[in-house]
N, C-alpha and C. Protein backbone atom coordinates (compact mmCIF):
# COMPACT_ATOMS: atom_id res chain seq x y z
N MET A 1 11.40 77.73 50.30
CA MET A 1 11.52 78.69 51.40
C MET A 1 12.92 79.30 51.40
N ALA A 2 12.99 80.59 51.64
CA ALA A 2 14.27 81.29 51.62
C ALA A 2 15.13 80.88 52.80
N ASP A 3 16.38 80.56 52.54
CA ASP A 3 17.37 80.24 53.58
C ASP A 3 18.36 81.38 53.65
N ARG A 4 18.12 82.32 54.56
CA ARG A 4 18.94 83.53 54.62
C ARG A 4 20.27 83.31 55.33
N SER A 5 20.57 82.07 55.71
CA SER A 5 21.90 81.78 56.25
C SER A 5 22.93 81.64 55.14
N LEU A 6 22.46 81.52 53.90
CA LEU A 6 23.35 81.36 52.76
C LEU A 6 24.02 82.69 52.41
N THR A 7 25.27 82.63 51.97
CA THR A 7 25.93 83.79 51.40
C THR A 7 25.79 83.72 49.89
N VAL A 8 25.65 84.88 49.28
CA VAL A 8 25.46 84.96 47.83
C VAL A 8 26.56 85.82 47.22
N GLY A 9 27.29 85.26 46.28
CA GLY A 9 28.31 86.01 45.55
C GLY A 9 27.80 86.36 44.16
N VAL A 10 28.08 87.57 43.73
CA VAL A 10 27.62 88.02 42.40
C VAL A 10 28.84 88.31 41.54
N LEU A 11 29.10 87.47 40.57
CA LEU A 11 30.20 87.69 39.63
C LEU A 11 29.76 88.72 38.60
N GLY A 12 30.55 89.76 38.43
CA GLY A 12 30.11 90.85 37.58
C GLY A 12 29.09 91.71 38.30
N GLY A 13 29.27 91.85 39.61
CA GLY A 13 28.30 92.53 40.44
C GLY A 13 28.28 94.04 40.32
N THR A 14 29.16 94.61 39.50
CA THR A 14 29.15 96.06 39.32
C THR A 14 28.30 96.49 38.13
N GLY A 15 27.86 95.55 37.31
CA GLY A 15 26.98 95.87 36.19
C GLY A 15 25.55 96.06 36.67
N PRO A 16 24.68 96.57 35.81
CA PRO A 16 23.30 96.87 36.23
C PRO A 16 22.56 95.67 36.82
N GLN A 17 22.62 94.52 36.15
CA GLN A 17 21.90 93.35 36.64
C GLN A 17 22.52 92.83 37.94
N GLY A 18 23.84 92.76 37.96
CA GLY A 18 24.52 92.22 39.13
C GLY A 18 24.33 93.05 40.37
N ARG A 19 24.52 94.36 40.24
CA ARG A 19 24.39 95.20 41.44
C ARG A 19 22.93 95.28 41.88
N GLY A 20 21.99 95.20 40.93
CA GLY A 20 20.58 95.22 41.30
C GLY A 20 20.19 93.97 42.07
N LEU A 21 20.61 92.81 41.60
CA LEU A 21 20.31 91.57 42.32
C LEU A 21 21.00 91.55 43.67
N GLY A 22 22.25 92.02 43.72
CA GLY A 22 22.96 92.09 44.99
C GLY A 22 22.24 92.96 45.99
N LEU A 23 21.79 94.12 45.54
CA LEU A 23 21.05 95.04 46.40
C LEU A 23 19.78 94.39 46.93
N ARG A 24 19.00 93.80 46.04
CA ARG A 24 17.72 93.23 46.45
C ARG A 24 17.91 92.07 47.43
N LEU A 25 18.91 91.24 47.20
CA LEU A 25 19.12 90.10 48.08
C LEU A 25 19.68 90.54 49.43
N ALA A 26 20.55 91.55 49.43
CA ALA A 26 21.05 92.08 50.70
C ALA A 26 19.90 92.71 51.49
N SER A 27 19.02 93.42 50.81
CA SER A 27 17.87 94.03 51.47
C SER A 27 16.92 92.97 52.01
N ALA A 28 16.93 91.78 51.38
CA ALA A 28 16.06 90.69 51.81
C ALA A 28 16.66 89.87 52.94
N GLY A 29 17.88 90.21 53.37
CA GLY A 29 18.48 89.53 54.52
C GLY A 29 19.62 88.60 54.24
N TYR A 30 20.05 88.51 52.98
CA TYR A 30 21.19 87.67 52.64
C TYR A 30 22.50 88.44 52.81
N ARG A 31 23.57 87.70 53.05
CA ARG A 31 24.92 88.27 53.04
C ARG A 31 25.43 88.18 51.62
N VAL A 32 25.75 89.31 51.01
CA VAL A 32 26.09 89.38 49.58
C VAL A 32 27.51 89.87 49.39
N VAL A 33 28.26 89.18 48.52
CA VAL A 33 29.59 89.62 48.12
C VAL A 33 29.54 90.03 46.66
N VAL A 34 29.74 91.30 46.40
CA VAL A 34 29.74 91.83 45.03
C VAL A 34 31.14 91.65 44.45
N GLY A 35 31.24 90.92 43.35
CA GLY A 35 32.53 90.64 42.74
C GLY A 35 32.77 91.45 41.48
N SER A 36 34.05 91.65 41.16
CA SER A 36 34.43 92.37 39.95
C SER A 36 35.85 91.98 39.56
N ARG A 37 36.19 92.18 38.30
CA ARG A 37 37.59 92.01 37.87
C ARG A 37 38.48 93.03 38.57
N VAL A 38 37.91 94.18 38.90
CA VAL A 38 38.64 95.25 39.58
C VAL A 38 38.05 95.39 40.99
N PRO A 39 38.71 94.89 42.02
CA PRO A 39 38.14 94.90 43.37
C PRO A 39 37.70 96.28 43.86
N GLN A 40 38.46 97.32 43.53
CA GLN A 40 38.08 98.65 43.98
C GLN A 40 36.74 99.08 43.39
N ARG A 41 36.48 98.65 42.15
CA ARG A 41 35.19 98.96 41.53
C ARG A 41 34.06 98.31 42.30
N ALA A 42 34.28 97.09 42.77
CA ALA A 42 33.26 96.40 43.56
C ALA A 42 33.03 97.13 44.88
N ALA A 43 34.11 97.54 45.54
CA ALA A 43 33.99 98.26 46.81
C ALA A 43 33.25 99.58 46.62
N ASP A 44 33.54 100.29 45.53
CA ASP A 44 32.87 101.57 45.25
C ASP A 44 31.39 101.36 44.97
N THR A 45 31.06 100.27 44.25
CA THR A 45 29.65 99.97 43.96
C THR A 45 28.88 99.71 45.25
N VAL A 46 29.46 98.93 46.14
CA VAL A 46 28.81 98.63 47.42
C VAL A 46 28.60 99.91 48.22
N ALA A 47 29.61 100.78 48.25
CA ALA A 47 29.50 102.03 49.01
C ALA A 47 28.36 102.90 48.47
N ARG A 48 28.23 102.96 47.15
CA ARG A 48 27.15 103.76 46.56
C ARG A 48 25.78 103.18 46.88
N LEU A 49 25.66 101.85 46.84
CA LEU A 49 24.39 101.22 47.15
C LEU A 49 24.01 101.43 48.62
N ARG A 50 24.99 101.34 49.50
CA ARG A 50 24.72 101.58 50.92
C ARG A 50 24.23 103.01 51.14
N ASP A 51 24.90 103.95 50.50
CA ASP A 51 24.53 105.36 50.68
C ASP A 51 23.13 105.64 50.15
N ARG A 52 22.81 105.06 48.99
CA ARG A 52 21.54 105.38 48.34
C ARG A 52 20.36 104.66 48.97
N TYR A 53 20.59 103.41 49.42
CA TYR A 53 19.46 102.61 49.88
C TYR A 53 19.52 102.25 51.35
N ASP A 54 20.49 102.78 52.07
CA ASP A 54 20.61 102.53 53.50
C ASP A 54 20.69 101.03 53.82
N VAL A 55 21.51 100.31 53.06
CA VAL A 55 21.70 98.87 53.28
C VAL A 55 22.61 98.67 54.49
N ASP A 56 22.30 97.69 55.31
CA ASP A 56 23.13 97.36 56.47
C ASP A 56 24.57 97.13 56.03
N VAL A 57 25.50 97.76 56.75
CA VAL A 57 26.91 97.68 56.36
C VAL A 57 27.42 96.25 56.37
N ASP A 58 26.82 95.38 57.19
CA ASP A 58 27.27 93.98 57.27
C ASP A 58 26.64 93.10 56.20
N ALA A 59 25.67 93.65 55.45
CA ALA A 59 24.95 92.83 54.48
C ALA A 59 25.67 92.71 53.15
N MET A 60 26.51 93.68 52.80
CA MET A 60 27.18 93.68 51.50
C MET A 60 28.66 93.99 51.67
N SER A 61 29.46 93.36 50.84
CA SER A 61 30.88 93.69 50.74
C SER A 61 31.29 93.55 49.28
N GLY A 62 32.42 94.13 48.93
CA GLY A 62 32.90 94.05 47.55
C GLY A 62 34.30 93.50 47.49
N GLY A 63 34.61 92.79 46.41
CA GLY A 63 35.94 92.21 46.26
C GLY A 63 36.12 91.62 44.88
N PRO A 64 37.20 90.87 44.67
CA PRO A 64 37.42 90.25 43.36
C PRO A 64 36.42 89.13 43.10
N ASN A 65 36.23 88.80 41.84
CA ASN A 65 35.31 87.73 41.48
C ASN A 65 35.66 86.42 42.17
N ARG A 66 36.95 86.14 42.36
CA ARG A 66 37.35 84.89 42.99
C ARG A 66 36.86 84.83 44.44
N GLU A 67 36.79 85.97 45.10
CA GLU A 67 36.26 85.99 46.46
C GLU A 67 34.76 85.76 46.45
N ALA A 68 34.06 86.39 45.53
CA ALA A 68 32.62 86.19 45.41
C ALA A 68 32.29 84.73 45.10
N ALA A 69 33.18 84.06 44.37
CA ALA A 69 32.95 82.67 43.98
C ALA A 69 33.05 81.70 45.15
N ASP A 70 33.53 82.16 46.30
CA ASP A 70 33.62 81.31 47.48
C ASP A 70 32.33 81.30 48.29
N SER A 71 31.30 82.00 47.81
CA SER A 71 30.01 82.05 48.51
C SER A 71 29.24 80.74 48.32
N ASP A 72 28.17 80.57 49.11
CA ASP A 72 27.35 79.36 49.01
C ASP A 72 26.63 79.29 47.67
N VAL A 73 26.09 80.42 47.24
CA VAL A 73 25.39 80.54 45.95
C VAL A 73 26.12 81.60 45.13
N VAL A 74 26.41 81.28 43.89
CA VAL A 74 27.18 82.19 43.04
C VAL A 74 26.34 82.57 41.83
N ILE A 75 26.05 83.86 41.67
CA ILE A 75 25.28 84.36 40.54
C ILE A 75 26.23 84.88 39.48
N VAL A 76 26.09 84.40 38.25
CA VAL A 76 26.92 84.87 37.13
C VAL A 76 26.13 85.94 36.39
N ALA A 77 26.64 87.19 36.47
CA ALA A 77 25.93 88.32 35.88
C ALA A 77 26.85 89.13 34.97
N VAL A 78 27.78 88.45 34.33
CA VAL A 78 28.70 89.13 33.41
C VAL A 78 28.11 89.12 32.01
N PRO A 79 28.56 90.01 31.13
CA PRO A 79 28.12 89.94 29.72
C PRO A 79 28.49 88.61 29.10
N PHE A 80 27.74 88.20 28.08
CA PHE A 80 27.96 86.88 27.51
C PHE A 80 29.40 86.65 27.05
N ASP A 81 30.02 87.67 26.43
CA ASP A 81 31.37 87.45 25.91
C ASP A 81 32.41 87.31 27.02
N GLY A 82 32.04 87.58 28.26
CA GLY A 82 32.97 87.41 29.37
C GLY A 82 32.78 86.12 30.14
N VAL A 83 31.77 85.33 29.77
CA VAL A 83 31.44 84.12 30.52
C VAL A 83 32.57 83.10 30.49
N GLN A 84 33.02 82.72 29.29
CA GLN A 84 33.98 81.63 29.19
C GLN A 84 35.29 81.93 29.92
N PRO A 85 35.95 83.08 29.68
CA PRO A 85 37.21 83.32 30.40
C PRO A 85 37.02 83.39 31.91
N LEU A 86 35.92 83.94 32.37
CA LEU A 86 35.71 84.04 33.82
C LEU A 86 35.50 82.66 34.43
N ILE A 87 34.57 81.87 33.87
CA ILE A 87 34.27 80.57 34.46
C ILE A 87 35.48 79.64 34.38
N GLU A 88 36.21 79.69 33.30
CA GLU A 88 37.42 78.85 33.20
C GLU A 88 38.42 79.21 34.28
N SER A 89 38.49 80.47 34.66
CA SER A 89 39.49 80.90 35.65
C SER A 89 39.12 80.53 37.08
N ILE A 90 37.84 80.23 37.34
CA ILE A 90 37.42 79.94 38.71
C ILE A 90 36.66 78.63 38.83
N ALA A 91 36.69 77.80 37.80
CA ALA A 91 35.91 76.56 37.80
C ALA A 91 36.20 75.70 39.02
N ASP A 92 37.45 75.70 39.48
CA ASP A 92 37.82 74.89 40.64
C ASP A 92 37.09 75.35 41.90
N ARG A 93 36.77 76.64 42.00
CA ARG A 93 36.08 77.17 43.17
C ARG A 93 34.58 76.92 43.13
N LEU A 94 34.06 76.52 41.99
CA LEU A 94 32.62 76.35 41.83
C LEU A 94 32.14 74.92 42.05
N ARG A 95 33.04 74.01 42.31
CA ARG A 95 32.66 72.61 42.50
C ARG A 95 31.69 72.50 43.68
N ARG A 96 30.57 71.83 43.42
CA ARG A 96 29.51 71.58 44.40
C ARG A 96 28.76 72.85 44.82
N LYS A 97 29.09 73.99 44.23
CA LYS A 97 28.37 75.22 44.52
C LYS A 97 27.11 75.32 43.66
N ILE A 98 26.10 76.02 44.17
CA ILE A 98 24.95 76.38 43.34
C ILE A 98 25.35 77.61 42.55
N VAL A 99 25.35 77.47 41.23
CA VAL A 99 25.77 78.55 40.33
C VAL A 99 24.56 78.96 39.51
N VAL A 100 24.18 80.22 39.62
CA VAL A 100 22.98 80.74 38.95
C VAL A 100 23.40 81.60 37.77
N SER A 101 22.95 81.23 36.59
CA SER A 101 23.23 82.03 35.40
C SER A 101 22.03 82.90 35.07
N CYS A 102 22.26 84.22 35.02
CA CYS A 102 21.23 85.12 34.50
C CYS A 102 21.72 85.75 33.19
N VAL A 103 22.73 85.09 32.58
CA VAL A 103 23.34 85.59 31.34
C VAL A 103 22.43 85.30 30.16
N ASN A 104 22.24 86.29 29.33
CA ASN A 104 21.47 86.13 28.10
C ASN A 104 22.40 86.21 26.89
N ARG A 105 22.35 85.22 26.04
CA ARG A 105 23.23 85.19 24.87
C ARG A 105 22.58 86.01 23.75
N LEU A 106 22.63 87.31 23.89
CA LEU A 106 21.96 88.21 22.96
C LEU A 106 22.95 89.12 22.25
N GLY A 107 22.60 89.50 21.04
CA GLY A 107 23.32 90.53 20.31
C GLY A 107 22.38 91.67 20.00
N PHE A 108 22.92 92.77 19.52
CA PHE A 108 22.10 93.94 19.21
C PHE A 108 22.53 94.52 17.86
N ASP A 109 21.54 94.86 17.04
CA ASP A 109 21.83 95.52 15.77
C ASP A 109 20.80 96.63 15.56
N GLU A 110 20.70 97.12 14.35
CA GLU A 110 19.79 98.24 14.09
C GLU A 110 18.32 97.89 14.30
N HIS A 111 18.02 96.60 14.33
CA HIS A 111 16.64 96.16 14.54
C HIS A 111 16.34 95.85 16.01
N GLY A 112 17.37 95.90 16.86
CA GLY A 112 17.17 95.63 18.27
C GLY A 112 17.85 94.35 18.72
N PRO A 113 17.43 93.77 19.87
CA PRO A 113 18.07 92.57 20.41
C PRO A 113 17.72 91.32 19.61
N HIS A 114 18.65 90.37 19.59
CA HIS A 114 18.41 89.10 18.91
C HIS A 114 19.28 88.02 19.55
N PRO A 115 18.82 86.75 19.54
CA PRO A 115 19.60 85.67 20.14
C PRO A 115 20.88 85.39 19.35
N ILE A 116 21.92 84.94 20.05
CA ILE A 116 23.17 84.51 19.43
C ILE A 116 23.29 83.01 19.62
N PRO A 117 23.42 82.22 18.54
CA PRO A 117 23.58 80.77 18.69
C PRO A 117 24.88 80.43 19.41
N VAL A 118 24.82 79.44 20.30
CA VAL A 118 26.00 78.98 21.03
C VAL A 118 26.06 77.46 20.91
N ASP A 119 26.49 76.98 19.74
CA ASP A 119 26.57 75.53 19.52
C ASP A 119 25.28 74.84 19.93
N GLU A 120 24.15 75.46 19.58
CA GLU A 120 22.82 74.91 19.87
C GLU A 120 22.52 74.85 21.37
N ARG A 121 23.31 75.53 22.20
CA ARG A 121 23.08 75.52 23.63
C ARG A 121 22.76 76.93 24.13
N SER A 122 22.44 77.01 25.40
CA SER A 122 22.21 78.29 26.06
C SER A 122 23.48 78.73 26.77
N ALA A 123 23.50 79.98 27.21
CA ALA A 123 24.62 80.45 28.03
C ALA A 123 24.66 79.65 29.33
N THR A 124 23.51 79.30 29.87
CA THR A 124 23.45 78.52 31.10
C THR A 124 24.09 77.16 30.91
N GLU A 125 23.79 76.49 29.80
CA GLU A 125 24.40 75.19 29.53
C GLU A 125 25.88 75.33 29.25
N LEU A 126 26.30 76.44 28.66
CA LEU A 126 27.72 76.69 28.45
C LEU A 126 28.44 76.74 29.79
N ILE A 127 27.86 77.44 30.76
CA ILE A 127 28.46 77.53 32.09
C ILE A 127 28.54 76.15 32.73
N ALA A 128 27.49 75.35 32.57
CA ALA A 128 27.50 74.00 33.13
C ALA A 128 28.62 73.16 32.53
N GLY A 129 28.88 73.35 31.24
CA GLY A 129 29.96 72.62 30.60
C GLY A 129 31.33 73.08 31.04
N LEU A 130 31.47 74.36 31.34
CA LEU A 130 32.76 74.91 31.77
C LEU A 130 33.05 74.62 33.23
N ALA A 131 32.01 74.38 34.02
CA ALA A 131 32.18 74.09 35.45
C ALA A 131 31.42 72.81 35.78
N PRO A 132 31.94 71.65 35.33
CA PRO A 132 31.19 70.40 35.44
C PRO A 132 30.88 69.97 36.86
N GLY A 133 31.60 70.48 37.84
CA GLY A 133 31.32 70.09 39.21
C GLY A 133 30.29 70.96 39.89
N ALA A 134 29.79 71.98 39.20
CA ALA A 134 28.85 72.92 39.80
C ALA A 134 27.41 72.47 39.61
N ARG A 135 26.54 72.98 40.48
CA ARG A 135 25.10 72.71 40.40
C ARG A 135 24.47 73.93 39.72
N VAL A 136 24.41 73.90 38.41
CA VAL A 136 24.05 75.09 37.63
C VAL A 136 22.53 75.21 37.47
N VAL A 137 22.05 76.42 37.67
CA VAL A 137 20.63 76.74 37.55
C VAL A 137 20.51 78.02 36.72
N GLY A 138 19.50 78.09 35.88
CA GLY A 138 19.22 79.32 35.13
C GLY A 138 18.09 80.08 35.79
N ALA A 139 18.25 81.40 35.97
CA ALA A 139 17.20 82.21 36.60
C ALA A 139 17.48 83.69 36.41
N PHE A 140 16.47 84.51 36.65
CA PHE A 140 16.55 85.98 36.63
C PHE A 140 16.84 86.57 35.25
N HIS A 141 16.63 85.81 34.19
CA HIS A 141 16.93 86.32 32.85
C HIS A 141 16.04 87.48 32.43
N HIS A 142 14.77 87.45 32.85
CA HIS A 142 13.80 88.42 32.34
C HIS A 142 13.55 89.58 33.29
N VAL A 143 14.36 89.70 34.34
CA VAL A 143 14.16 90.78 35.30
C VAL A 143 14.93 92.02 34.83
N PRO A 144 14.25 93.07 34.38
CA PRO A 144 14.96 94.26 33.88
C PRO A 144 15.81 94.90 34.97
N ALA A 145 17.04 95.22 34.64
CA ALA A 145 17.94 95.82 35.61
C ALA A 145 17.37 97.10 36.20
N GLY A 146 16.61 97.84 35.40
CA GLY A 146 16.04 99.09 35.87
C GLY A 146 15.02 98.92 36.98
N ARG A 147 14.48 97.70 37.14
CA ARG A 147 13.53 97.45 38.22
C ARG A 147 14.22 97.02 39.49
N LEU A 148 15.53 96.83 39.43
CA LEU A 148 16.26 96.32 40.58
C LEU A 148 16.95 97.43 41.37
N ALA A 149 17.92 98.10 40.75
CA ALA A 149 18.68 99.12 41.47
C ALA A 149 18.17 100.53 41.23
N ASP A 150 17.37 100.73 40.20
CA ASP A 150 16.89 102.08 39.91
C ASP A 150 15.52 102.36 40.51
N ASP A 151 14.84 101.32 40.97
CA ASP A 151 13.50 101.47 41.53
C ASP A 151 13.42 100.58 42.77
N ALA A 152 13.26 101.17 43.92
CA ALA A 152 13.31 100.41 45.16
C ALA A 152 12.00 99.72 45.50
N GLY A 153 10.97 99.86 44.66
CA GLY A 153 9.67 99.26 44.94
C GLY A 153 9.66 97.76 44.69
N ALA A 154 8.49 97.14 44.94
CA ALA A 154 8.34 95.70 44.72
C ALA A 154 8.54 95.36 43.25
N VAL A 155 9.04 94.16 43.01
CA VAL A 155 9.30 93.69 41.64
C VAL A 155 8.22 92.69 41.28
N ASP A 156 7.18 93.12 40.61
CA ASP A 156 6.01 92.30 40.35
C ASP A 156 6.22 91.45 39.10
N MET A 157 6.92 90.33 39.26
CA MET A 157 7.17 89.46 38.12
C MET A 157 7.63 88.09 38.59
N ASP A 158 7.56 87.13 37.67
CA ASP A 158 8.02 85.78 37.94
C ASP A 158 9.46 85.60 37.49
N VAL A 159 10.15 84.69 38.17
CA VAL A 159 11.50 84.29 37.78
C VAL A 159 11.43 82.84 37.32
N LEU A 160 11.69 82.59 36.06
CA LEU A 160 11.62 81.25 35.50
C LEU A 160 12.93 80.53 35.77
N VAL A 161 12.85 79.39 36.45
CA VAL A 161 14.03 78.68 36.96
C VAL A 161 14.18 77.35 36.24
N THR A 162 15.36 77.12 35.66
CA THR A 162 15.66 75.85 35.00
C THR A 162 16.84 75.17 35.69
N GLY A 163 16.83 73.85 35.68
CA GLY A 163 17.97 73.13 36.26
C GLY A 163 17.68 71.65 36.38
N ASP A 164 18.75 70.87 36.46
CA ASP A 164 18.64 69.42 36.58
C ASP A 164 18.77 68.95 38.03
N ASP A 165 19.12 69.87 38.95
CA ASP A 165 19.29 69.56 40.36
C ASP A 165 18.10 70.17 41.10
N ALA A 166 17.17 69.34 41.55
CA ALA A 166 15.93 69.83 42.15
C ALA A 166 16.19 70.64 43.41
N ASP A 167 17.12 70.20 44.24
CA ASP A 167 17.40 70.92 45.48
C ASP A 167 17.99 72.30 45.18
N ALA A 168 18.87 72.38 44.19
CA ALA A 168 19.45 73.67 43.81
C ALA A 168 18.37 74.60 43.28
N CYS A 169 17.43 74.07 42.50
CA CYS A 169 16.33 74.89 41.99
C CYS A 169 15.47 75.42 43.14
N ASP A 170 15.27 74.60 44.16
CA ASP A 170 14.51 75.05 45.33
C ASP A 170 15.19 76.23 46.00
N VAL A 171 16.51 76.16 46.14
CA VAL A 171 17.25 77.25 46.77
C VAL A 171 17.11 78.53 45.96
N VAL A 172 17.22 78.42 44.64
CA VAL A 172 17.14 79.60 43.78
C VAL A 172 15.72 80.18 43.78
N CYS A 173 14.71 79.32 43.82
CA CYS A 173 13.35 79.82 43.95
C CYS A 173 13.19 80.56 45.27
N GLY A 174 13.88 80.09 46.31
CA GLY A 174 13.85 80.78 47.59
C GLY A 174 14.45 82.16 47.50
N LEU A 175 15.52 82.31 46.73
CA LEU A 175 16.11 83.64 46.52
C LEU A 175 15.10 84.58 45.87
N ALA A 176 14.44 84.08 44.84
CA ALA A 176 13.45 84.90 44.14
C ALA A 176 12.29 85.26 45.06
N ASP A 177 11.80 84.28 45.80
CA ASP A 177 10.65 84.51 46.68
C ASP A 177 10.96 85.51 47.79
N ALA A 178 12.24 85.63 48.16
CA ALA A 178 12.62 86.55 49.24
C ALA A 178 12.56 88.01 48.81
N ILE A 179 12.55 88.26 47.52
CA ILE A 179 12.50 89.64 47.01
C ILE A 179 11.03 90.04 46.86
N PRO A 180 10.59 91.11 47.51
CA PRO A 180 9.18 91.49 47.47
C PRO A 180 8.64 91.60 46.04
N GLY A 181 7.52 90.90 45.80
CA GLY A 181 6.86 90.92 44.50
C GLY A 181 7.30 89.82 43.57
N MET A 182 8.46 89.24 43.78
CA MET A 182 8.96 88.18 42.89
C MET A 182 8.38 86.83 43.29
N ARG A 183 8.35 85.93 42.31
CA ARG A 183 7.94 84.56 42.54
C ARG A 183 8.79 83.64 41.69
N GLY A 184 9.43 82.66 42.34
CA GLY A 184 10.20 81.68 41.59
C GLY A 184 9.30 80.60 41.03
N VAL A 185 9.45 80.29 39.75
CA VAL A 185 8.63 79.28 39.08
C VAL A 185 9.56 78.23 38.47
N ARG A 186 9.41 76.99 38.89
CA ARG A 186 10.23 75.91 38.35
C ARG A 186 9.72 75.55 36.96
N VAL A 187 10.57 75.67 35.97
CA VAL A 187 10.17 75.45 34.58
C VAL A 187 10.45 74.03 34.14
N GLY A 188 11.62 73.51 34.48
CA GLY A 188 12.02 72.19 34.03
C GLY A 188 13.52 72.07 33.94
N PRO A 189 14.02 71.12 33.15
CA PRO A 189 15.46 70.86 33.10
C PRO A 189 16.26 71.98 32.44
N LEU A 190 17.56 71.86 32.59
CA LEU A 190 18.48 72.89 32.10
C LEU A 190 18.34 73.10 30.59
N ARG A 191 17.92 72.09 29.86
CA ARG A 191 17.82 72.20 28.41
C ARG A 191 16.77 73.23 27.98
N LEU A 192 15.89 73.64 28.89
CA LEU A 192 14.90 74.66 28.57
C LEU A 192 15.44 76.08 28.75
N SER A 193 16.70 76.19 29.11
CA SER A 193 17.29 77.51 29.30
C SER A 193 17.38 78.30 28.00
N ARG A 194 17.58 77.61 26.89
CA ARG A 194 17.75 78.32 25.62
C ARG A 194 16.50 79.14 25.25
N PRO A 195 15.30 78.55 25.21
CA PRO A 195 14.14 79.38 24.86
C PRO A 195 13.87 80.48 25.88
N ILE A 196 14.21 80.25 27.13
CA ILE A 196 14.02 81.29 28.14
C ILE A 196 14.95 82.47 27.87
N GLU A 197 16.22 82.17 27.56
CA GLU A 197 17.16 83.24 27.25
C GLU A 197 16.74 83.99 25.99
N GLU A 198 16.24 83.27 25.00
CA GLU A 198 15.82 83.91 23.75
C GLU A 198 14.59 84.80 23.98
N LEU A 199 13.72 84.41 24.91
CA LEU A 199 12.55 85.23 25.21
C LEU A 199 12.96 86.60 25.75
N THR A 200 14.14 86.68 26.35
CA THR A 200 14.60 87.96 26.88
C THR A 200 14.68 89.01 25.78
N ALA A 201 15.04 88.61 24.57
CA ALA A 201 15.08 89.55 23.45
C ALA A 201 13.70 90.15 23.21
N VAL A 202 12.66 89.34 23.37
CA VAL A 202 11.29 89.82 23.19
C VAL A 202 10.93 90.82 24.28
N VAL A 203 11.28 90.48 25.53
CA VAL A 203 10.98 91.38 26.65
C VAL A 203 11.68 92.71 26.47
N LEU A 204 12.96 92.67 26.07
CA LEU A 204 13.71 93.92 25.86
C LEU A 204 13.08 94.76 24.75
N SER A 205 12.68 94.10 23.68
CA SER A 205 12.07 94.82 22.56
C SER A 205 10.77 95.49 22.97
N VAL A 206 9.94 94.76 23.74
CA VAL A 206 8.67 95.33 24.23
C VAL A 206 8.95 96.54 25.13
N ASN A 207 9.91 96.39 26.02
CA ASN A 207 10.22 97.49 26.94
C ASN A 207 10.73 98.72 26.22
N LYS A 208 11.51 98.50 25.18
CA LYS A 208 11.99 99.64 24.41
C LYS A 208 10.85 100.33 23.68
N ARG A 209 9.96 99.55 23.11
CA ARG A 209 8.85 100.11 22.35
C ARG A 209 7.92 100.94 23.24
N TYR A 210 7.66 100.43 24.45
CA TYR A 210 6.69 101.09 25.32
C TYR A 210 7.34 101.93 26.42
N GLY A 211 8.65 102.01 26.42
CA GLY A 211 9.35 102.83 27.39
C GLY A 211 9.09 102.44 28.83
N THR A 212 9.15 101.13 29.11
CA THR A 212 8.86 100.65 30.45
C THR A 212 9.86 99.58 30.87
N THR A 213 9.62 98.95 32.01
CA THR A 213 10.50 97.88 32.51
C THR A 213 9.64 96.68 32.90
N ALA A 214 8.85 96.20 31.94
CA ALA A 214 7.97 95.06 32.19
C ALA A 214 8.78 93.78 32.31
N GLY A 215 8.21 92.81 33.02
CA GLY A 215 8.83 91.50 33.14
C GLY A 215 7.86 90.43 32.70
N VAL A 216 8.03 89.23 33.23
CA VAL A 216 7.19 88.09 32.87
C VAL A 216 6.36 87.69 34.09
N ARG A 217 5.07 87.49 33.90
CA ARG A 217 4.20 86.99 34.96
C ARG A 217 3.29 85.93 34.36
N LEU A 218 3.34 84.69 34.87
CA LEU A 218 2.50 83.61 34.40
C LEU A 218 1.19 83.60 35.17
N THR A 219 0.10 83.37 34.46
CA THR A 219 -1.22 83.34 35.10
C THR A 219 -1.70 81.93 35.26
N GLY A 220 -2.65 81.73 36.18
CA GLY A 220 -3.31 80.45 36.35
C GLY A 220 -2.54 79.44 37.16
N LEU A 221 -1.42 79.83 37.77
CA LEU A 221 -0.66 78.88 38.59
C LEU A 221 -1.27 78.75 39.98
N PRO A 222 -1.09 77.61 40.64
CA PRO A 222 -1.61 77.45 42.00
C PRO A 222 -0.92 78.39 42.97
N ASP A 223 -1.55 78.67 44.08
CA ASP A 223 -0.99 79.61 45.06
C ASP A 223 0.30 79.10 45.69
N ASP A 224 0.45 77.77 45.75
CA ASP A 224 1.63 77.20 46.42
C ASP A 224 2.73 76.82 45.43
N VAL A 225 2.83 77.54 44.32
CA VAL A 225 3.83 77.21 43.31
C VAL A 225 5.24 77.26 43.89
């Protein structure tokens, strides 16, 4: 169940995925702090989202990543090559926090997207190693950014959630369930984050081929998933 008393910080919240998730969660009733390396960029992003989507002025604010990291739930939405320096710089602020990684360890070449090996781990597990006191969960990897901030309609797809902390996974599923059309699905432990992140390359390739913004939807699950 969604707990809208929680504040949500989005690290890298000025990028397509970050600002889209921030917008959707603010629209769903959460208090969202959009973070950036450049605070003015975060403030400008929030202003544009408010103007375009008529978001309540009290629902979103912008500031530095360190400020966003002080939220109850912290979403990491930076590019993969920015993960390590960012998390190392704020690891002390993430202790006991629910930290959600939607980072995909992908590269791109003339053939399209492809997974990047990270010492046999996922980007989500990398974050867990860099912030050992955090309650790290993987989620939102397969949600196309274009369905978040570029299209205000319902997001008809599942969010596959991985993590070793059951209570933290419940909270993150609540975030997903609060967004119209989304459904949080508990997949299993954090070690399953790698194949989930790699599947993102497949989703991106399909979307490029068919010129769409498809996501993942699992069939045959019970209604009370």
